[in-house]
Structure formats: structure tokens, C-alpha cells
Amino acid sequence: MNPDKIKNIALSFVNGFTSIRKVKKPVTFILLTILIWICYYAGIHLCFYCIPLTEHLGFSEAITALVFGSITVMITPG
């Protein structure tokens, strides 16, 4: 990977976090963001109980599925 591309990705990441200061209600924004991620986790964990093969999986497996699923969505174009 090109070092300039990595630098641009890192700067975009930092700009995304610092943009929270520009939001009118940053505490509400952060709380709702956390709530959304909790709902994502709950949806994945609930789906584990729908299939007999995965009903024994727990918290760490659901977090792993959430992290890898999020990364996949980020790198998939479109």
C-alpha cells in the first residue's frame, strides 16, 4: 500500500473523530451511537439462537462477528 494513501486514511479517521465537536449535542450523538452499536450486537447475538448449530456461541463470538462484519462493510465498494 502507498504510504500517502495510508496517511490520507489516518487523517480521515482523525477528522471523523474531531468532527464530533461540531455537532450541536455531542453527548446525545455519542450515546445514540453507542446505542446503535449495542443494537447491532444484539441483532447478531439473537441470530445465533435461530440456528441450532450456533446457539451455543456467546459474547466473544458475537463481538468477533460484529467486528469482522464491520470491517467487511468498510472495505467492500458500493
Protein backbone atom coordinates (compact mmCIF):
# COMPACT_ATOMS: atom_id res chain seq x y z
CA MET A 1 0.00 0.00 0.00
CA ASN A 2 1.16 3.50 -0.80
CA PRO A 3 2.36 5.48 2.28
CA ASP A 4 0.43 8.54 1.09
CA LYS A 5 -2.76 6.50 0.94
CA ILE A 6 -2.21 5.24 4.50
CA LYS A 7 -1.58 8.82 5.65
CA ASN A 8 -4.81 10.00 3.99
CA ILE A 9 -6.80 7.19 5.63
CA ALA A 10 -5.34 8.05 9.04
CA LEU A 11 -6.11 11.77 8.58
CA SER A 12 -9.68 10.95 7.54
CA PHE A 13 -10.07 8.80 10.64
CA VAL A 14 -8.81 11.63 12.89
CA ASN A 15 -11.05 14.17 11.12
CA GLY A 16 -14.03 11.91 11.74
CA PHE A 17 -13.39 11.83 15.48
CA THR A 18 -12.69 15.55 15.76
CA SER A 19 -15.88 16.37 13.87
CA ILE A 20 -17.86 15.37 16.98
CA ARG A 21 -17.01 18.82 18.35
CA LYS A 22 -19.05 20.39 15.54
CA VAL A 23 -22.24 18.52 16.45
CA LYS A 24 -24.86 20.58 18.31
CA LYS A 25 -25.42 17.91 21.00
CA PRO A 26 -22.24 15.80 21.20
CA VAL A 27 -23.28 13.83 24.30
CA THR A 28 -26.56 12.80 22.67
CA PHE A 29 -24.68 11.91 19.48
CA ILE A 30 -22.24 9.67 21.37
CA LEU A 31 -24.98 8.00 23.42
CA LEU A 32 -27.08 7.27 20.33
CA THR A 33 -24.01 5.93 18.53
CA ILE A 34 -23.33 3.56 21.43
CA LEU A 35 -26.99 2.51 21.44
CA ILE A 36 -26.86 1.77 17.71
CA TRP A 37 -23.79 -0.45 18.18
CA ILE A 38 -25.49 -2.24 21.08
CA CYS A 39 -28.45 -2.92 18.77
CA TYR A 40 -26.07 -4.26 16.09
CA TYR A 41 -24.53 -6.58 18.68
CA ALA A 42 -27.93 -7.71 19.97
CA GLY A 43 -29.09 -8.50 16.44
CA ILE A 44 -26.05 -10.65 15.76
CA HIS A 45 -26.28 -12.39 19.12
CA LEU A 46 -30.00 -13.02 18.67
CA CYS A 47 -29.36 -14.60 15.27
CA PHE A 48 -27.06 -17.12 16.95
CA TYR A 49 -30.10 -18.54 18.76
CA CYS A 50 -32.00 -19.01 15.50
CA ILE A 51 -29.70 -21.71 14.19
CA PRO A 52 -29.13 -24.84 16.30
CA LEU A 53 -25.52 -25.08 15.13
CA THR A 54 -24.65 -21.63 16.57
CA GLU A 55 -26.91 -21.42 19.63
CA HIS A 56 -24.03 -22.24 21.99
CA LEU A 57 -21.96 -19.23 20.84
CA GLY A 58 -21.62 -16.36 23.28
CA PHE A 59 -20.50 -12.77 23.77
CA SER A 60 -16.97 -13.01 22.35
CA GLU A 61 -18.13 -14.76 19.19
CA ALA A 62 -20.82 -12.14 18.61
CA ILE A 63 -18.29 -9.32 19.08
CA THR A 64 -15.93 -11.06 16.65
CA ALA A 65 -18.69 -11.38 14.07
CA LEU A 66 -19.60 -7.70 14.58
CA VAL A 67 -16.00 -6.50 14.17
CA PHE A 68 -15.26 -8.59 11.09
CA GLY A 69 -18.65 -7.74 9.59
CA SER A 70 -18.00 -4.03 10.11
CA ILE A 71 -14.57 -4.27 8.52
CA THR A 72 -16.03 -6.16 5.57
CA VAL A 73 -18.67 -3.46 5.03
CA MET A 74 -15.98 -0.75 5.15
CA ILE A 75 -13.72 -2.34 2.54
CA THR A 76 -16.44 -3.52 0.19
CA PRO A 77 -17.05 -0.96 -2.57
CA GLY A 78 -20.56 0.28 -3.11
